[in-house]
C-alpha cells in the first residue's frame, strides 16, 4: 500500500510542473503580451537547444490578422539590415 501512495504522489508532482526553465517561461510571457494570445514553447527537454513555438488563434480571421502581423514584423526586420 505504501509503494502505491508513493507512485501516485510522484506522478502528481510530475504533472504539476511543466519542467521549463525560467528563461523560457519569461519568453513565453513576453510573446503572449506582444501578440495578445497564448504562446507555448515546446521543448524535448528543459535545457534543449531547439524546439517549437505554438501560437493560439481564435478564428480564421484572427489567424489572418496574426499572419499579417508576423509578415510585417519580418519585413521590418529585413528592411532594418
N, C-alpha and C. Protein backbone atom coordinates (compact mmCIF):
# COMPACT_ATOMS: atom_id res chain seq x y z
N UNK A 1 0.83 -1.19 0.00
CA UNK A 1 0.00 0.00 0.00
C UNK A 1 0.87 1.26 0.00
N UNK A 2 1.93 1.24 0.77
CA UNK A 2 2.80 2.41 0.85
C UNK A 2 3.44 2.71 -0.51
N UNK A 3 3.90 1.71 -1.23
CA UNK A 3 4.51 1.92 -2.55
C UNK A 3 3.50 2.53 -3.52
N UNK A 4 2.26 2.12 -3.43
CA UNK A 4 1.21 2.68 -4.29
C UNK A 4 1.05 4.17 -4.04
N UNK A 5 1.07 4.59 -2.79
CA UNK A 5 0.93 6.01 -2.46
C UNK A 5 2.12 6.81 -2.99
N UNK A 6 3.31 6.27 -2.91
CA UNK A 6 4.49 6.98 -3.41
C UNK A 6 4.42 7.17 -4.92
N UNK A 7 3.96 6.17 -5.63
CA UNK A 7 3.84 6.28 -7.09
C UNK A 7 2.81 7.35 -7.45
N UNK A 8 1.70 7.38 -6.76
CA UNK A 8 0.67 8.38 -7.03
C UNK A 8 1.20 9.79 -6.78
N UNK A 9 1.94 9.98 -5.71
CA UNK A 9 2.49 11.30 -5.39
C UNK A 9 3.49 11.71 -6.45
N UNK A 10 4.36 10.81 -6.86
CA UNK A 10 5.36 11.15 -7.88
C UNK A 10 4.70 11.54 -9.19
N UNK A 11 3.70 10.83 -9.64
CA UNK A 11 3.05 11.18 -10.90
C UNK A 11 2.31 12.50 -10.78
N UNK A 12 1.74 12.78 -9.62
CA UNK A 12 1.06 14.05 -9.40
C UNK A 12 2.05 15.21 -9.46
N UNK A 13 3.19 15.04 -8.84
CA UNK A 13 4.21 16.09 -8.85
C UNK A 13 4.74 16.28 -10.26
N UNK A 14 4.94 15.22 -10.98
CA UNK A 14 5.46 15.31 -12.35
C UNK A 14 4.50 16.09 -13.24
N UNK A 15 3.21 15.89 -13.08
CA UNK A 15 2.22 16.60 -13.90
C UNK A 15 2.07 18.05 -13.49
N UNK A 16 2.38 18.36 -12.25
CA UNK A 16 2.16 19.71 -11.74
C UNK A 16 3.10 20.73 -12.38
N UNK A 17 4.35 20.34 -12.66
CA UNK A 17 5.30 21.28 -13.25
C UNK A 17 5.48 21.03 -14.72
N UNK A 18 5.78 22.09 -15.47
CA UNK A 18 5.98 21.91 -16.91
C UNK A 18 7.44 21.65 -17.24
N UNK A 19 8.34 21.78 -16.27
CA UNK A 19 9.74 21.48 -16.48
C UNK A 19 10.49 22.52 -17.29
N UNK A 20 9.90 23.66 -17.54
CA UNK A 20 10.56 24.70 -18.33
C UNK A 20 11.43 25.57 -17.43
N UNK A 21 12.58 25.95 -17.96
CA UNK A 21 13.47 26.83 -17.21
C UNK A 21 12.86 28.23 -17.17
N UNK A 22 13.18 29.03 -16.17
CA UNK A 22 12.57 30.36 -16.02
C UNK A 22 12.74 31.26 -17.24
N UNK A 23 13.86 31.15 -17.94
CA UNK A 23 14.07 31.99 -19.13
C UNK A 23 13.05 31.68 -20.21
N UNK A 24 12.72 30.41 -20.39
CA UNK A 24 11.73 30.01 -21.40
C UNK A 24 10.35 30.52 -20.98
N UNK A 25 10.02 30.40 -19.71
CA UNK A 25 8.73 30.91 -19.23
C UNK A 25 8.63 32.41 -19.45
N UNK A 26 9.75 33.13 -19.25
CA UNK A 26 9.75 34.58 -19.47
C UNK A 26 9.53 34.91 -20.95
N UNK A 27 10.18 34.17 -21.83
CA UNK A 27 9.99 34.39 -23.27
C UNK A 27 8.55 34.13 -23.68
N UNK A 28 7.95 33.08 -23.14
CA UNK A 28 6.54 32.80 -23.43
C UNK A 28 5.67 33.96 -22.99
N UNK A 29 5.89 34.45 -21.78
CA UNK A 29 5.09 35.56 -21.26
C UNK A 29 5.28 36.82 -22.10
N UNK A 30 6.51 37.11 -22.52
CA UNK A 30 6.77 38.29 -23.35
C UNK A 30 6.02 38.20 -24.68
N UNK A 31 6.10 37.04 -25.33
CA UNK A 31 5.40 36.88 -26.61
C UNK A 31 3.88 36.91 -26.44
N UNK A 32 3.38 36.37 -25.33
CA UNK A 32 1.95 36.41 -25.08
C UNK A 32 1.46 37.85 -24.95
N UNK A 33 2.23 38.67 -24.25
CA UNK A 33 1.86 40.10 -24.13
C UNK A 33 1.94 40.79 -25.49
N UNK A 34 2.99 40.52 -26.23
CA UNK A 34 3.20 41.16 -27.53
C UNK A 34 2.13 40.78 -28.55
N UNK A 35 1.75 39.51 -28.57
CA UNK A 35 0.81 39.02 -29.59
C UNK A 35 -0.63 38.92 -29.10
N UNK A 36 -0.85 39.14 -27.82
CA UNK A 36 -2.20 39.06 -27.23
C UNK A 36 -2.87 37.71 -27.47
N UNK A 37 -2.13 36.65 -27.21
CA UNK A 37 -2.66 35.30 -27.38
C UNK A 37 -1.77 34.33 -26.62
N UNK A 38 -2.26 33.12 -26.46
CA UNK A 38 -1.47 32.10 -25.77
C UNK A 38 -0.31 31.68 -26.66
N UNK A 39 0.88 31.62 -26.06
CA UNK A 39 2.09 31.20 -26.74
C UNK A 39 2.72 30.09 -25.90
N UNK A 40 3.14 29.03 -26.55
CA UNK A 40 3.77 27.94 -25.81
C UNK A 40 5.04 27.51 -26.53
N UNK A 41 6.12 27.44 -25.79
CA UNK A 41 7.37 26.90 -26.32
C UNK A 41 7.38 25.42 -25.98
N UNK A 42 7.55 24.57 -26.96
CA UNK A 42 7.61 23.14 -26.72
C UNK A 42 9.04 22.68 -26.94
N UNK A 43 9.62 22.13 -25.89
CA UNK A 43 11.00 21.67 -25.92
C UNK A 43 11.04 20.18 -25.58
N UNK A 44 11.91 19.42 -26.25
CA UNK A 44 12.00 17.99 -25.95
C UNK A 44 12.41 17.71 -24.50
N UNK A 45 13.22 18.61 -23.91
CA UNK A 45 13.60 18.52 -22.51
C UNK A 45 13.93 19.93 -22.03
N UNK A 46 13.98 20.19 -20.72
CA UNK A 46 14.08 21.56 -20.20
C UNK A 46 15.26 22.38 -20.73
N UNK A 47 16.37 21.78 -21.05
CA UNK A 47 17.54 22.56 -21.49
C UNK A 47 17.86 22.33 -22.97
N UNK A 48 16.84 22.00 -23.75
CA UNK A 48 17.01 21.73 -25.18
C UNK A 48 17.45 23.00 -25.91
N UNK A 49 18.18 22.81 -26.98
CA UNK A 49 18.65 23.93 -27.82
C UNK A 49 17.73 24.18 -29.01
N UNK A 50 16.71 23.34 -29.20
CA UNK A 50 15.75 23.55 -30.29
C UNK A 50 14.38 23.09 -29.82
N UNK A 51 13.36 23.52 -30.55
CA UNK A 51 12.00 23.16 -30.18
C UNK A 51 11.02 23.82 -31.11
N UNK A 52 9.80 24.05 -30.63
CA UNK A 52 8.73 24.63 -31.43
C UNK A 52 8.08 25.77 -30.65
N UNK A 53 7.52 26.71 -31.39
CA UNK A 53 6.69 27.75 -30.79
C UNK A 53 5.27 27.52 -31.28
N UNK A 54 4.36 27.47 -30.35
CA UNK A 54 2.95 27.23 -30.68
C UNK A 54 2.15 28.50 -30.38
N UNK A 55 1.44 28.99 -31.38
CA UNK A 55 0.63 30.21 -31.25
C UNK A 55 -0.85 29.84 -31.38
N UNK A 56 -1.65 30.31 -30.45
CA UNK A 56 -3.07 30.02 -30.49
C UNK A 56 -3.78 31.09 -31.32
N UNK A 57 -4.77 30.67 -32.12
CA UNK A 57 -5.63 31.63 -32.81
C UNK A 57 -7.08 31.23 -32.55
N UNK A 58 -7.97 32.21 -32.65
CA UNK A 58 -9.33 32.02 -32.17
C UNK A 58 -10.38 31.95 -33.27
N UNK A 59 -9.98 32.25 -34.49
CA UNK A 59 -10.86 32.14 -35.65
C UNK A 59 -9.97 32.27 -36.90
N UNK A 60 -10.54 32.02 -38.06
CA UNK A 60 -9.76 32.17 -39.29
C UNK A 60 -9.40 33.63 -39.52
N UNK A 61 -10.30 34.55 -39.16
CA UNK A 61 -9.99 35.97 -39.28
C UNK A 61 -8.83 36.34 -38.36
N UNK A 62 -8.84 35.79 -37.15
CA UNK A 62 -7.76 36.05 -36.21
C UNK A 62 -6.44 35.49 -36.74
N UNK A 63 -6.48 34.32 -37.37
CA UNK A 63 -5.28 33.74 -37.98
C UNK A 63 -4.75 34.65 -39.09
N UNK A 64 -5.65 35.20 -39.90
CA UNK A 64 -5.23 36.14 -40.96
C UNK A 64 -4.54 37.36 -40.36
N UNK A 65 -5.12 37.92 -39.29
CA UNK A 65 -4.52 39.09 -38.63
C UNK A 65 -3.15 38.74 -38.06
N UNK A 66 -3.04 37.57 -37.45
CA UNK A 66 -1.76 37.13 -36.89
C UNK A 66 -0.71 36.99 -37.99
N UNK A 67 -1.09 36.38 -39.10
CA UNK A 67 -0.15 36.21 -40.21
C UNK A 67 0.31 37.55 -40.77
N UNK A 68 -0.60 38.49 -40.92
CA UNK A 68 -0.23 39.82 -41.40
C UNK A 68 0.74 40.51 -40.43
N UNK A 69 0.46 40.37 -39.17
CA UNK A 69 1.33 40.97 -38.14
C UNK A 69 2.72 40.36 -38.18
N UNK A 70 2.80 39.05 -38.32
CA UNK A 70 4.10 38.39 -38.39
C UNK A 70 4.85 38.75 -39.67
N UNK A 71 4.12 38.86 -40.78
CA UNK A 71 4.76 39.26 -42.04
C UNK A 71 5.32 40.67 -41.94
N UNK A 72 4.55 41.60 -41.36
CA UNK A 72 5.02 42.97 -41.20
C UNK A 72 6.25 43.02 -40.32
N UNK A 73 6.26 42.24 -39.26
CA UNK A 73 7.43 42.20 -38.37
C UNK A 73 8.64 41.66 -39.12
N UNK A 74 8.43 40.66 -39.97
CA UNK A 74 9.52 40.11 -40.77
C UNK A 74 10.03 41.11 -41.79
N UNK A 75 9.11 41.85 -42.43
CA UNK A 75 9.52 42.86 -43.42
C UNK A 75 10.28 43.98 -42.74
N UNK A 76 9.82 44.42 -41.58
CA UNK A 76 10.51 45.49 -40.85
C UNK A 76 11.90 45.06 -40.44
N UNK A 77 12.04 43.81 -40.04
CA UNK A 77 13.33 43.28 -39.63
C UNK A 77 14.29 43.21 -40.83
N UNK A 78 13.77 42.78 -41.99
CA UNK A 78 14.60 42.68 -43.20
C UNK A 78 15.02 44.06 -43.69
N UNK A 79 14.15 45.05 -43.58
CA UNK A 79 14.46 46.40 -44.04
C UNK A 79 15.45 47.13 -43.15
N UNK A 80 15.56 46.73 -41.89
CA UNK A 80 16.46 47.42 -40.96
C UNK A 80 17.89 46.93 -41.09
N UNK A 81 18.13 45.91 -41.94
CA UNK A 81 19.51 45.38 -42.09
C UNK A 81 20.23 46.06 -43.20
